[in-house]
Amino acid sequence: MSDAKRLEFRTTIAAPVERVWDEMLGDESYCEWTAAFHEGSYFEGSWVQGEGIRFLSPSGDGMIAEIAENLRHERISIRHLGYVMNGVEDTESEAVRAWAPAYENYIFRPVAGGTELIIEQDVSGEFEQMMQESWPKALERLKALCEADGPPSLYEWAGGAMAIQAWIEDFYGVVREDPELAPVFEHMDGRHPTFVAQFIAEVLGGPDAYTRERGGHPNMIRAHLERHLTQRQRARWARLLFESADRVGLPDDPEFRSALAAYVEWGSRLAVINSQPGTSVNADGPMPTWGWGEVGGPWIEPD
C-alpha cells in the first residue's frame, strides 16, 4: 500500500482467546462492536483463508476484501482490495490503486487473566483521524461483549485451553525428571498431559472435552485406583504444579491463586484417598466444577 500509515491498537480482555475470537467474528456480535464505526455495519462472505468478504454499511456501500490469513485463535489478516458503491465494485480505478491492497490484522495472544488483542490497520491520511477515534470505542464494545456474563470462570481467567495446556506440559516435563514423582508416572501415556489439561480445564469451567472423550470423573478415579499414593508424593505434586504455574505465567493475583490452590489441595487429597485399597468407583459420579469459592462443608466419608 502506498501513501499509507499503519496504526496499532491494543486491549486486554478478561476472557479466553476462543471467546474473543468468536465474539469478534460472529455474525451478530460483529455488528455490535463495529457499530462504533458505523451503526448497522455488517459483513457478507467468509472468514476462511482465501475467501472473499465485504464489509458494508446499511446502504450496501463499503469495502471489498479477501482473507489473506486465518490462523484459528491466533491471527486474522484481511486484505482490502477496493470499494463497493451503489452496488458497483471498484478494484481498478486510479483512486483505489493508490492505496490497495491495504491490510487489517487481528492478533490474539493468551495472557494472564485473558486475551491481549492487537489491531494493525493500514490507513490513508484522510481516514486516519476517524480510525484513531473509532477503534478504541470499538474495542471497548468488544470487551464488554466478551466480559458480559459476570465474573469469568477460572478457566477463562487462566487464559483458556492454550494456557492450561502449556501449564500442564511444563509440569509433566519436570515430573519426568523428579526423583520423588518420576516412578509414579514411569509408564505414563504420551497423551497423559493433554488428558489432564482437558480434565482441569473442564473442572475450572471450560469445555467438556474430558467428559465427552474420556468418561468424566469416574474415569479419572479409575486411573488412581490401587496406586497407593502418599501424602509426601501429593505435596510434592502440588508444589511442582504451582512452580509450573509461575513459570508459564498463569495469573498470580490473590483471588485466582487462592481458588486454584483450593482446587489443587482438594483434588490431590481426593486422589490420595481414591488410590488406597478398597476404593470403588461410582460410574455415575458427576464431574467436579470449581469456581471462586466452592467447598461448602466438611469432608464426609462415602458410604
C-alpha atoms as a PDB file:
ATOM      1  CA  MET A   1       0.000   0.000   0.000  1.00  0.00           C
ATOM      2  CA  SER A   2       1.400   3.428  -0.964  1.00  0.00           C
ATOM      3  CA  ASP A   3       0.795   6.721   0.845  1.00  0.00           C
ATOM      4  CA  ALA A   4      -0.334   4.887   3.980  1.00  0.00           C
ATOM      5  CA  LYS A   5       0.318   4.608   7.652  1.00  0.00           C
ATOM      6  CA  ARG A   6      -0.027   1.554   9.868  1.00  0.00           C
ATOM      7  CA  LEU A   7      -1.930   2.186  13.087  1.00  0.00           C
ATOM      8  CA  GLU A   8      -1.858  -0.156  16.073  1.00  0.00           C
ATOM      9  CA  PHE A   9      -4.399  -0.563  18.867  1.00  0.00           C
ATOM     10  CA  ARG A  10      -4.264  -2.898  21.868  1.00  0.00           C
ATOM     11  CA  THR A  11      -6.596  -4.031  24.589  1.00  0.00           C
ATOM     12  CA  THR A  12      -6.681  -6.782  27.203  1.00  0.00           C
ATOM     13  CA  ILE A  13      -9.949  -8.662  27.631  1.00  0.00           C
ATOM     14  CA  ALA A  14     -10.807 -10.845  30.642  1.00  0.00           C
ATOM     15  CA  ALA A  15     -11.896 -13.781  28.500  1.00  0.00           C
ATOM     16  CA  PRO A  16     -10.077 -16.652  26.779  1.00  0.00           C
ATOM     17  CA  VAL A  17      -8.882 -16.339  23.201  1.00  0.00           C
ATOM     18  CA  GLU A  18     -11.662 -18.645  21.993  1.00  0.00           C
ATOM     19  CA  ARG A  19     -14.356 -16.343  23.382  1.00  0.00           C
ATOM     20  CA  VAL A  20     -12.758 -13.184  21.982  1.00  0.00           C
ATOM     21  CA  TRP A  21     -12.340 -14.821  18.566  1.00  0.00           C
ATOM     22  CA  ASP A  22     -15.980 -15.924  18.467  1.00  0.00           C
ATOM     23  CA  GLU A  23     -17.353 -12.550  19.567  1.00  0.00           C
ATOM     24  CA  MET A  24     -15.145 -10.632  17.161  1.00  0.00           C
ATOM     25  CA  LEU A  25     -16.048 -12.701  14.090  1.00  0.00           C
ATOM     26  CA  GLY A  26     -19.604 -13.834  14.842  1.00  0.00           C
ATOM     27  CA  ASP A  27     -22.388 -12.602  12.547  1.00  0.00           C
ATOM     28  CA  GLU A  28     -24.403 -10.811  15.256  1.00  0.00           C
ATOM     29  CA  SER A  29     -21.606  -9.770  17.602  1.00  0.00           C
ATOM     30  CA  TYR A  30     -19.599  -8.315  14.700  1.00  0.00           C
ATOM     31  CA  CYS A  31     -22.476  -5.908  14.056  1.00  0.00           C
ATOM     32  CA  GLU A  32     -22.486  -4.873  17.716  1.00  0.00           C
ATOM     33  CA  TRP A  33     -18.838  -3.921  18.113  1.00  0.00           C
ATOM     34  CA  THR A  34     -18.405  -2.407  14.632  1.00  0.00           C
ATOM     35  CA  ALA A  35     -21.298  -0.032  15.305  1.00  0.00           C
ATOM     36  CA  ALA A  36     -18.544   2.208  16.707  1.00  0.00           C
ATOM     37  CA  PHE A  37     -17.507   2.816  13.081  1.00  0.00           C
ATOM     38  CA  HIS A  38     -20.968   2.941  11.541  1.00  0.00           C
ATOM     39  CA  GLU A  39     -24.279   1.971  13.101  1.00  0.00           C
ATOM     40  CA  GLY A  40     -25.649  -1.046  11.239  1.00  0.00           C
ATOM     41  CA  SER A  41     -22.304  -2.268   9.881  1.00  0.00           C
ATOM     42  CA  TYR A  42     -22.190  -5.910   8.818  1.00  0.00           C
ATOM     43  CA  PHE A  43     -20.196  -8.317   6.671  1.00  0.00           C
ATOM     44  CA  GLU A  44     -21.010 -10.668   3.814  1.00  0.00           C
ATOM     45  CA  GLY A  45     -18.817 -13.615   2.951  1.00  0.00           C
ATOM     46  CA  SER A  46     -16.473 -15.895   4.841  1.00  0.00           C
ATOM     47  CA  TRP A  47     -13.549 -15.660   7.253  1.00  0.00           C
ATOM     48  CA  VAL A  48     -11.952 -18.705   5.566  1.00  0.00           C
ATOM     49  CA  GLN A  49      -8.454 -18.039   4.232  1.00  0.00           C
ATOM     50  CA  GLY A  50      -8.559 -17.194   0.522  1.00  0.00           C
ATOM     51  CA  GLU A  51     -12.285 -16.412   0.519  1.00  0.00           C
ATOM     52  CA  GLY A  52     -13.827 -13.072  -0.382  1.00  0.00           C
ATOM     53  CA  ILE A  53     -15.572 -10.875   2.178  1.00  0.00           C
ATOM     54  CA  ARG A  54     -17.347  -7.497   2.105  1.00  0.00           C
ATOM     55  CA  PHE A  55     -17.635  -5.026   4.974  1.00  0.00           C
ATOM     56  CA  LEU A  56     -20.760  -2.973   4.412  1.00  0.00           C
ATOM     57  CA  SER A  57     -22.902  -0.168   5.791  1.00  0.00           C
ATOM     58  CA  PRO A  58     -26.730  -0.380   5.860  1.00  0.00           C
ATOM     59  CA  SER A  59     -26.800   1.288   2.435  1.00  0.00           C
ATOM     60  CA  GLY A  60     -24.748  -1.573   0.979  1.00  0.00           C
ATOM     61  CA  ASP A  61     -21.662   0.584   0.379  1.00  0.00           C
ATOM     62  CA  GLY A  62     -18.336  -0.448   1.846  1.00  0.00           C
ATOM     63  CA  MET A  63     -15.120  -2.376   1.336  1.00  0.00           C
ATOM     64  CA  ILE A  64     -14.224  -5.380  -0.822  1.00  0.00           C
ATOM     65  CA  ALA A  65     -11.613  -7.661   0.690  1.00  0.00           C
ATOM     66  CA  GLU A  66     -10.292 -11.196   0.994  1.00  0.00           C
ATOM     67  CA  ILE A  67      -8.944 -13.167   3.937  1.00  0.00           C
ATOM     68  CA  ALA A  68      -5.192 -13.256   3.436  1.00  0.00           C
ATOM     69  CA  GLU A  69      -4.544 -15.400   6.514  1.00  0.00           C
ATOM     70  CA  ASN A  70      -6.604 -17.261   9.108  1.00  0.00           C
ATOM     71  CA  LEU A  71      -4.690 -18.955  11.906  1.00  0.00           C
ATOM     72  CA  ARG A  72      -7.507 -20.072  14.180  1.00  0.00           C
ATOM     73  CA  HIS A  73      -7.425 -18.389  17.596  1.00  0.00           C
ATOM     74  CA  GLU A  74      -4.132 -16.675  16.662  1.00  0.00           C
ATOM     75  CA  ARG A  75      -4.407 -14.263  13.745  1.00  0.00           C
ATOM     76  CA  ILE A  76      -6.739 -12.929  11.047  1.00  0.00           C
ATOM     77  CA  SER A  77      -5.328 -10.858   8.188  1.00  0.00           C
ATOM     78  CA  ILE A  78      -7.758  -9.008   5.915  1.00  0.00           C
ATOM     79  CA  ARG A  79      -6.502  -7.787   2.530  1.00  0.00           C
ATOM     80  CA  HIS A  80      -8.639  -4.831   1.425  1.00  0.00           C
ATOM     81  CA  LEU A  81      -8.895  -4.621  -2.365  1.00  0.00           C
ATOM     82  CA  GLY A  82     -11.373  -1.868  -3.187  1.00  0.00           C
ATOM     83  CA  TYR A  83     -14.768  -0.272  -2.672  1.00  0.00           C
ATOM     84  CA  VAL A  84     -18.355  -1.141  -3.447  1.00  0.00           C
ATOM     85  CA  MET A  85     -20.504   1.937  -4.120  1.00  0.00           C
ATOM     86  CA  ASN A  86     -24.128   1.869  -5.268  1.00  0.00           C
ATOM     87  CA  GLY A  87     -23.768  -1.844  -5.931  1.00  0.00           C
ATOM     88  CA  VAL A  88     -20.713  -1.390  -8.191  1.00  0.00           C
ATOM     89  CA  GLU A  89     -17.328  -2.868  -7.254  1.00  0.00           C
ATOM     90  CA  ASP A  90     -14.216  -0.804  -7.834  1.00  0.00           C
ATOM     91  CA  THR A  91     -10.847  -2.529  -7.575  1.00  0.00           C
ATOM     92  CA  GLU A  92      -9.149  -0.988 -10.620  1.00  0.00           C
ATOM     93  CA  SER A  93      -9.615   2.770 -10.532  1.00  0.00           C
ATOM     94  CA  GLU A  94      -6.649   5.075 -10.052  1.00  0.00           C
ATOM     95  CA  ALA A  95      -8.038   6.155  -6.685  1.00  0.00           C
ATOM     96  CA  VAL A  96      -8.168   2.539  -5.459  1.00  0.00           C
ATOM     97  CA  ARG A  97      -4.769   1.596  -6.886  1.00  0.00           C
ATOM     98  CA  ALA A  98      -3.297   4.477  -4.873  1.00  0.00           C
ATOM     99  CA  TRP A  99      -3.940   2.560  -1.641  1.00  0.00           C
ATOM    100  CA  ALA A 100      -4.789  -1.078  -2.438  1.00  0.00           C
ATOM    101  CA  PRO A 101      -4.000  -3.565  -1.166  1.00  0.00           C
ATOM    102  CA  ALA A 102      -4.288  -2.462   2.459  1.00  0.00           C
ATOM    103  CA  TYR A 103      -4.201  -4.798   5.436  1.00  0.00           C
ATOM    104  CA  GLU A 104      -6.215  -5.039   8.636  1.00  0.00           C
ATOM    105  CA  ASN A 105      -4.850  -7.622  11.078  1.00  0.00           C
ATOM    106  CA  TYR A 106      -6.316  -9.037  14.301  1.00  0.00           C
ATOM    107  CA  ILE A 107      -3.794 -10.767  16.575  1.00  0.00           C
ATOM    108  CA  PHE A 108      -4.957 -12.810  19.580  1.00  0.00           C
ATOM    109  CA  ARG A 109      -2.495 -13.591  22.402  1.00  0.00           C
ATOM    110  CA  PRO A 110      -3.341 -15.518  25.572  1.00  0.00           C
ATOM    111  CA  VAL A 111      -2.097 -13.617  28.613  1.00  0.00           C
ATOM    112  CA  ALA A 112      -2.571 -13.855  32.359  1.00  0.00           C
ATOM    113  CA  GLY A 113      -6.199 -13.004  33.009  1.00  0.00           C
ATOM    114  CA  GLY A 114      -7.465 -13.361  29.449  1.00  0.00           C
ATOM    115  CA  THR A 115      -6.505 -12.219  25.957  1.00  0.00           C
ATOM    116  CA  GLU A 116      -4.414  -9.421  24.543  1.00  0.00           C
ATOM    117  CA  LEU A 117      -5.960  -8.302  21.255  1.00  0.00           C
ATOM    118  CA  ILE A 118      -3.776  -6.328  18.854  1.00  0.00           C
ATOM    119  CA  ILE A 119      -5.178  -4.484  15.839  1.00  0.00           C
ATOM    120  CA  GLU A 120      -2.952  -3.433  12.942  1.00  0.00           C
ATOM    121  CA  GLN A 121      -4.690  -1.142  10.462  1.00  0.00           C
ATOM    122  CA  ASP A 122      -3.270   0.306   7.231  1.00  0.00           C
ATOM    123  CA  VAL A 123      -4.907   3.660   6.616  1.00  0.00           C
ATOM    124  CA  SER A 124      -4.531   6.585   4.241  1.00  0.00           C
ATOM    125  CA  GLY A 125      -4.309  10.077   5.646  1.00  0.00           C
ATOM    126  CA  GLU A 126      -7.913  11.042   5.024  1.00  0.00           C
ATOM    127  CA  PHE A 127      -9.185   8.216   7.254  1.00  0.00           C
ATOM    128  CA  GLU A 128      -6.551   8.310   9.994  1.00  0.00           C
ATOM    129  CA  GLN A 129      -8.441  10.547  12.411  1.00  0.00           C
ATOM    130  CA  MET A 130     -11.633   8.501  12.034  1.00  0.00           C
ATOM    131  CA  MET A 131      -9.750   5.268  12.778  1.00  0.00           C
ATOM    132  CA  GLN A 132      -7.905   6.829  15.723  1.00  0.00           C
ATOM    133  CA  GLU A 133     -11.244   7.835  17.227  1.00  0.00           C
ATOM    134  CA  SER A 134     -13.307   4.765  16.314  1.00  0.00           C
ATOM    135  CA  TRP A 135     -11.036   1.802  17.053  1.00  0.00           C
ATOM    136  CA  PRO A 136     -10.757   2.472  20.819  1.00  0.00           C
ATOM    137  CA  LYS A 137     -14.558   2.744  21.003  1.00  0.00           C
ATOM    138  CA  ALA A 138     -14.967  -0.479  19.002  1.00  0.00           C
ATOM    139  CA  LEU A 139     -12.577  -2.340  21.283  1.00  0.00           C
ATOM    140  CA  GLU A 140     -14.483  -1.127  24.340  1.00  0.00           C
ATOM    141  CA  ARG A 141     -17.666  -2.540  22.803  1.00  0.00           C
ATOM    142  CA  LEU A 142     -15.946  -5.844  22.024  1.00  0.00           C
ATOM    143  CA  LYS A 143     -14.503  -6.024  25.532  1.00  0.00           C
ATOM    144  CA  ALA A 144     -17.978  -5.503  27.013  1.00  0.00           C
ATOM    145  CA  LEU A 145     -19.394  -8.305  24.823  1.00  0.00           C
ATOM    146  CA  CYS A 146     -16.679 -10.746  25.878  1.00  0.00           C
ATOM    147  CA  GLU A 147     -16.980  -9.911  29.577  1.00  0.00           C
ATOM    148  CA  ALA A 148     -20.787  -9.639  29.667  1.00  0.00           C
ATOM    149  CA  ASP A 149     -21.574 -12.778  31.689  1.00  0.00           C
ATOM    150  CA  GLY A 150     -20.351 -11.600  35.078  1.00  0.00           C
ATOM    151  CA  PRO A 151     -17.076 -12.796  36.601  1.00  0.00           C
ATOM    152  CA  PRO A 152     -15.080 -15.014  34.247  1.00  0.00           C
ATOM    153  CA  SER A 153     -14.653 -18.677  35.064  1.00  0.00           C
ATOM    154  CA  LEU A 154     -11.309 -19.801  36.471  1.00  0.00           C
ATOM    155  CA  TYR A 155     -10.734 -21.384  33.043  1.00  0.00           C
ATOM    156  CA  GLU A 156     -11.249 -18.025  31.331  1.00  0.00           C
ATOM    157  CA  TRP A 157      -9.156 -16.131  33.867  1.00  0.00           C
ATOM    158  CA  ALA A 158      -6.314 -18.625  33.474  1.00  0.00           C
ATOM    159  CA  GLY A 159      -6.187 -17.865  29.756  1.00  0.00           C
ATOM    160  CA  GLY A 160      -8.224 -20.736  28.320  1.00  0.00           C
ATOM    161  CA  ALA A 161      -7.204 -24.047  26.787  1.00  0.00           C
ATOM    162  CA  MET A 162      -3.804 -22.988  25.448  1.00  0.00           C
ATOM    163  CA  ALA A 163      -2.680 -21.551  28.778  1.00  0.00           C
ATOM    164  CA  ILE A 164      -3.762 -24.638  30.715  1.00  0.00           C
ATOM    165  CA  GLN A 165      -2.152 -26.978  28.172  1.00  0.00           C
ATOM    166  CA  ALA A 166       1.130 -25.045  28.434  1.00  0.00           C
ATOM    167  CA  TRP A 167       0.948 -25.235  32.235  1.00  0.00           C
ATOM    168  CA  ILE A 168       0.404 -28.989  32.332  1.00  0.00           C
ATOM    169  CA  GLU A 169       3.002 -29.703  29.628  1.00  0.00           C
ATOM    170  CA  ASP A 170       5.572 -27.753  31.633  1.00  0.00           C
ATOM    171  CA  PHE A 171       4.591 -29.585  34.812  1.00  0.00           C
ATOM    172  CA  TYR A 172       4.974 -33.074  33.355  1.00  0.00           C
ATOM    173  CA  GLY A 173       8.272 -32.103  31.767  1.00  0.00           C
ATOM    174  CA  VAL A 174       9.558 -31.507  35.308  1.00  0.00           C
ATOM    175  CA  VAL A 175       7.808 -34.559  36.779  1.00  0.00           C
ATOM    176  CA  ARG A 176       9.596 -36.888  34.353  1.00  0.00           C
ATOM    177  CA  GLU A 177      12.906 -35.849  35.937  1.00  0.00           C
ATOM    178  CA  ASP A 178      11.768 -35.608  39.554  1.00  0.00           C
ATOM    179  CA  PRO A 179      13.145 -38.371  41.842  1.00  0.00           C
ATOM    180  CA  GLU A 180      10.025 -38.354  44.006  1.00  0.00           C
ATOM    181  CA  LEU A 181       7.398 -38.448  41.261  1.00  0.00           C
ATOM    182  CA  ALA A 182       9.084 -39.953  38.201  1.00  0.00           C
ATOM    183  CA  PRO A 183       8.401 -43.527  39.405  1.00  0.00           C
ATOM    184  CA  VAL A 184       4.686 -42.720  39.808  1.00  0.00           C
ATOM    185  CA  PHE A 185       4.451 -41.665  36.151  1.00  0.00           C
ATOM    186  CA  GLU A 186       7.013 -44.118  34.780  1.00  0.00           C
ATOM    187  CA  HIS A 187       4.549 -45.714  32.355  1.00  0.00           C
ATOM    188  CA  MET A 188       2.695 -42.508  31.516  1.00  0.00           C
ATOM    189  CA  ASP A 189       0.961 -42.430  28.137  1.00  0.00           C
ATOM    190  CA  GLY A 190       2.427 -39.730  25.914  1.00  0.00           C
ATOM    191  CA  ARG A 191      -1.059 -38.188  25.718  1.00  0.00           C
ATOM    192  CA  HIS A 192      -1.416 -38.037  29.502  1.00  0.00           C
ATOM    193  CA  PRO A 193      -0.581 -34.303  29.810  1.00  0.00           C
ATOM    194  CA  THR A 194      -3.277 -33.494  27.242  1.00  0.00           C
ATOM    195  CA  PHE A 195      -5.839 -35.613  29.079  1.00  0.00           C
ATOM    196  CA  VAL A 196      -5.009 -33.943  32.396  1.00  0.00           C
ATOM    197  CA  ALA A 197      -5.171 -30.490  30.796  1.00  0.00           C
ATOM    198  CA  GLN A 198      -8.629 -31.343  29.417  1.00  0.00           C
ATOM    199  CA  PHE A 199      -9.750 -32.542  32.834  1.00  0.00           C
ATOM    200  CA  ILE A 200      -8.517 -29.466  34.696  1.00  0.00           C
ATOM    201  CA  ALA A 201      -9.923 -27.144  32.022  1.00  0.00           C
ATOM    202  CA  GLU A 202     -13.360 -28.720  32.398  1.00  0.00           C
ATOM    203  CA  VAL A 203     -13.257 -28.584  36.198  1.00  0.00           C
ATOM    204  CA  LEU A 204     -12.336 -24.894  36.053  1.00  0.00           C
ATOM    205  CA  GLY A 205     -15.292 -24.081  33.815  1.00  0.00           C
ATOM    206  CA  GLY A 206     -14.004 -24.860  30.325  1.00  0.00           C
ATOM    207  CA  PRO A 207     -15.262 -27.193  27.560  1.00  0.00           C
ATOM    208  CA  ASP A 208     -16.497 -30.672  28.499  1.00  0.00           C
ATOM    209  CA  ALA A 209     -13.951 -32.428  26.272  1.00  0.00           C
ATOM    210  CA  TYR A 210     -12.745 -34.756  29.040  1.00  0.00           C
ATOM    211  CA  THR A 211     -16.265 -35.939  29.841  1.00  0.00           C
ATOM    212  CA  ARG A 212     -17.138 -36.468  26.174  1.00  0.00           C
ATOM    213  CA  GLU A 213     -13.887 -38.139  25.156  1.00  0.00           C
ATOM    214  CA  ARG A 214     -12.622 -39.829  28.327  1.00  0.00           C
ATOM    215  CA  GLY A 215     -15.631 -40.599  30.509  1.00  0.00           C
ATOM    216  CA  GLY A 216     -15.587 -37.812  33.073  1.00  0.00           C
ATOM    217  CA  HIS A 217     -14.648 -38.007  36.738  1.00  0.00           C
ATOM    218  CA  PRO A 218     -15.259 -41.774  37.116  1.00  0.00           C
ATOM    219  CA  ASN A 219     -12.516 -42.373  34.548  1.00  0.00           C
ATOM    220  CA  MET A 220     -10.109 -40.128  36.451  1.00  0.00           C
ATOM    221  CA  ILE A 221     -10.857 -42.014  39.671  1.00  0.00           C
ATOM    222  CA  ARG A 222     -10.180 -45.345  37.942  1.00  0.00           C
ATOM    223  CA  ALA A 223      -6.755 -44.047  36.919  1.00  0.00           C
ATOM    224  CA  HIS A 224      -5.866 -43.684  40.620  1.00  0.00           C
ATOM    225  CA  LEU A 225      -7.206 -47.000  41.958  1.00  0.00           C
ATOM    226  CA  GLU A 226      -4.653 -49.096  43.843  1.00  0.00           C
ATOM    227  CA  ARG A 227      -1.839 -46.611  43.174  1.00  0.00           C
ATOM    228  CA  HIS A 228      -1.120 -46.268  46.936  1.00  0.00           C
ATOM    229  CA  LEU A 229      -0.178 -42.604  46.710  1.00  0.00           C
ATOM    230  CA  THR A 230       1.329 -40.963  49.774  1.00  0.00           C
ATOM    231  CA  GLN A 231       0.855 -37.558  51.309  1.00  0.00           C
ATOM    232  CA  ARG A 232       4.533 -36.865  50.628  1.00  0.00           C
ATOM    233  CA  GLN A 233       4.015 -37.533  46.926  1.00  0.00           C
ATOM    234  CA  ARG A 234       0.848 -35.455  46.927  1.00  0.00           C
ATOM    235  CA  ALA A 235       2.592 -32.476  48.495  1.00  0.00           C
ATOM    236  CA  ARG A 236       5.459 -32.718  46.017  1.00  0.00           C
ATOM    237  CA  TRP A 237       2.957 -32.939  43.127  1.00  0.00           C
ATOM    238  CA  ALA A 238       1.163 -29.792  44.308  1.00  0.00           C
ATOM    239  CA  ARG A 239       4.391 -27.851  44.827  1.00  0.00           C
ATOM    240  CA  LEU A 240       5.691 -28.634  41.342  1.00  0.00           C
ATOM    241  CA  LEU A 241       2.311 -27.782  39.841  1.00  0.00           C
ATOM    242  CA  PHE A 242       2.403 -24.294  41.368  1.00  0.00           C
ATOM    243  CA  GLU A 243       6.019 -23.789  40.311  1.00  0.00           C
ATOM    244  CA  SER A 244       4.969 -24.601  36.742  1.00  0.00           C
ATOM    245  CA  ALA A 245       2.085 -22.142  37.032  1.00  0.00           C
ATOM    246  CA  ASP A 246       4.619 -19.434  37.896  1.00  0.00           C
ATOM    247  CA  ARG A 247       6.947 -20.455  35.081  1.00  0.00           C
ATOM    248  CA  VAL A 248       4.325 -20.306  32.330  1.00  0.00           C
ATOM    249  CA  GLY A 249       2.810 -17.092  33.658  1.00  0.00           C
ATOM    250  CA  LEU A 250      -0.632 -18.113  34.904  1.00  0.00           C
ATOM    251  CA  PRO A 251      -2.345 -15.193  36.659  1.00  0.00           C
ATOM    252  CA  ASP A 252      -0.848 -14.599  40.094  1.00  0.00           C
ATOM    253  CA  ASP A 253      -3.488 -12.352  41.626  1.00  0.00           C
ATOM    254  CA  PRO A 254      -4.532 -13.427  45.149  1.00  0.00           C
ATOM    255  CA  GLU A 255      -8.121 -14.319  44.229  1.00  0.00           C
ATOM    256  CA  PHE A 256      -7.207 -16.634  41.349  1.00  0.00           C
ATOM    257  CA  ARG A 257      -4.303 -18.296  43.122  1.00  0.00           C
ATOM    258  CA  SER A 258      -6.311 -18.907  46.290  1.00  0.00           C
ATOM    259  CA  ALA A 259      -9.113 -20.514  44.256  1.00  0.00           C
ATOM    260  CA  LEU A 260      -6.593 -22.587  42.293  1.00  0.00           C
ATOM    261  CA  ALA A 261      -4.796 -23.630  45.475  1.00  0.00           C
ATOM    262  CA  ALA A 262      -8.087 -24.745  46.995  1.00  0.00           C
ATOM    263  CA  TYR A 263      -8.816 -26.929  43.971  1.00  0.00           C
ATOM    264  CA  VAL A 264      -5.315 -28.426  43.895  1.00  0.00           C
ATOM    265  CA  GLU A 265      -5.499 -29.231  47.607  1.00  0.00           C
ATOM    266  CA  TRP A 266      -8.979 -30.738  47.292  1.00  0.00           C
ATOM    267  CA  GLY A 267      -8.243 -32.661  44.119  1.00  0.00           C
ATOM    268  CA  SER A 268      -4.863 -34.022  45.183  1.00  0.00           C
ATOM    269  CA  ARG A 269      -6.124 -35.146  48.588  1.00  0.00           C
ATOM    270  CA  LEU A 270      -9.077 -36.847  46.907  1.00  0.00           C
ATOM    271  CA  ALA A 271      -6.627 -38.605  44.574  1.00  0.00           C
ATOM    272  CA  VAL A 272      -4.724 -39.984  47.572  1.00  0.00           C
ATOM    273  CA  ILE A 273      -7.977 -41.241  49.120  1.00  0.00           C
ATOM    274  CA  ASN A 274      -9.031 -42.881  45.852  1.00  0.00           C
ATOM    275  CA  SER A 275      -5.643 -44.576  45.461  1.00  0.00           C
ATOM    276  CA  GLN A 276      -5.941 -46.585  48.673  1.00  0.00           C
ATOM    277  CA  PRO A 277      -7.081 -50.232  48.829  1.00  0.00           C
ATOM    278  CA  GLY A 278     -10.802 -50.899  48.726  1.00  0.00           C
ATOM    279  CA  THR A 279     -11.865 -47.774  46.852  1.00  0.00           C
ATOM    280  CA  SER A 280     -14.715 -48.219  44.388  1.00  0.00           C
ATOM    281  CA  VAL A 281     -15.933 -46.056  41.522  1.00  0.00           C
ATOM    282  CA  ASN A 282     -19.382 -44.565  41.173  1.00  0.00           C
ATOM    283  CA  ALA A 283     -19.916 -44.879  37.418  1.00  0.00           C
ATOM    284  CA  ASP A 284     -22.478 -42.069  37.535  1.00  0.00           C
ATOM    285  CA  GLY A 285     -20.382 -39.709  39.618  1.00  0.00           C
ATOM    286  CA  PRO A 286     -20.562 -36.078  38.451  1.00  0.00           C
ATOM    287  CA  MET A 287     -17.672 -34.070  37.130  1.00  0.00           C
ATOM    288  CA  PRO A 288     -16.436 -31.636  39.787  1.00  0.00           C
ATOM    289  CA  THR A 289     -16.746 -27.956  38.965  1.00  0.00           C
ATOM    290  CA  TRP A 290     -14.645 -25.308  40.630  1.00  0.00           C
ATOM    291  CA  GLY A 291     -15.141 -21.573  40.846  1.00  0.00           C
ATOM    292  CA  TRP A 292     -14.092 -18.708  43.051  1.00  0.00           C
ATOM    293  CA  GLY A 293     -15.203 -20.399  46.312  1.00  0.00           C
ATOM    294  CA  GLU A 294     -16.641 -23.908  46.309  1.00  0.00           C
ATOM    295  CA  VAL A 295     -16.095 -26.166  49.340  1.00  0.00           C
ATOM    296  CA  GLY A 296     -19.390 -25.623  51.159  1.00  0.00           C
ATOM    297  CA  GLY A 297     -18.870 -28.010  54.066  1.00  0.00           C
ATOM    298  CA  PRO A 298     -16.629 -30.651  55.660  1.00  0.00           C
ATOM    299  CA  TRP A 299     -15.457 -33.920  54.142  1.00  0.00           C
ATOM    300  CA  ILE A 300     -17.886 -36.806  54.668  1.00  0.00           C
ATOM    301  CA  GLU A 301     -16.699 -40.369  54.140  1.00  0.00           C
ATOM    302  CA  PRO A 302     -18.661 -42.033  51.290  1.00  0.00           C
ATOM    303  CA  ASP A 303     -20.909 -44.951  52.253  1.00  0.00           C
END
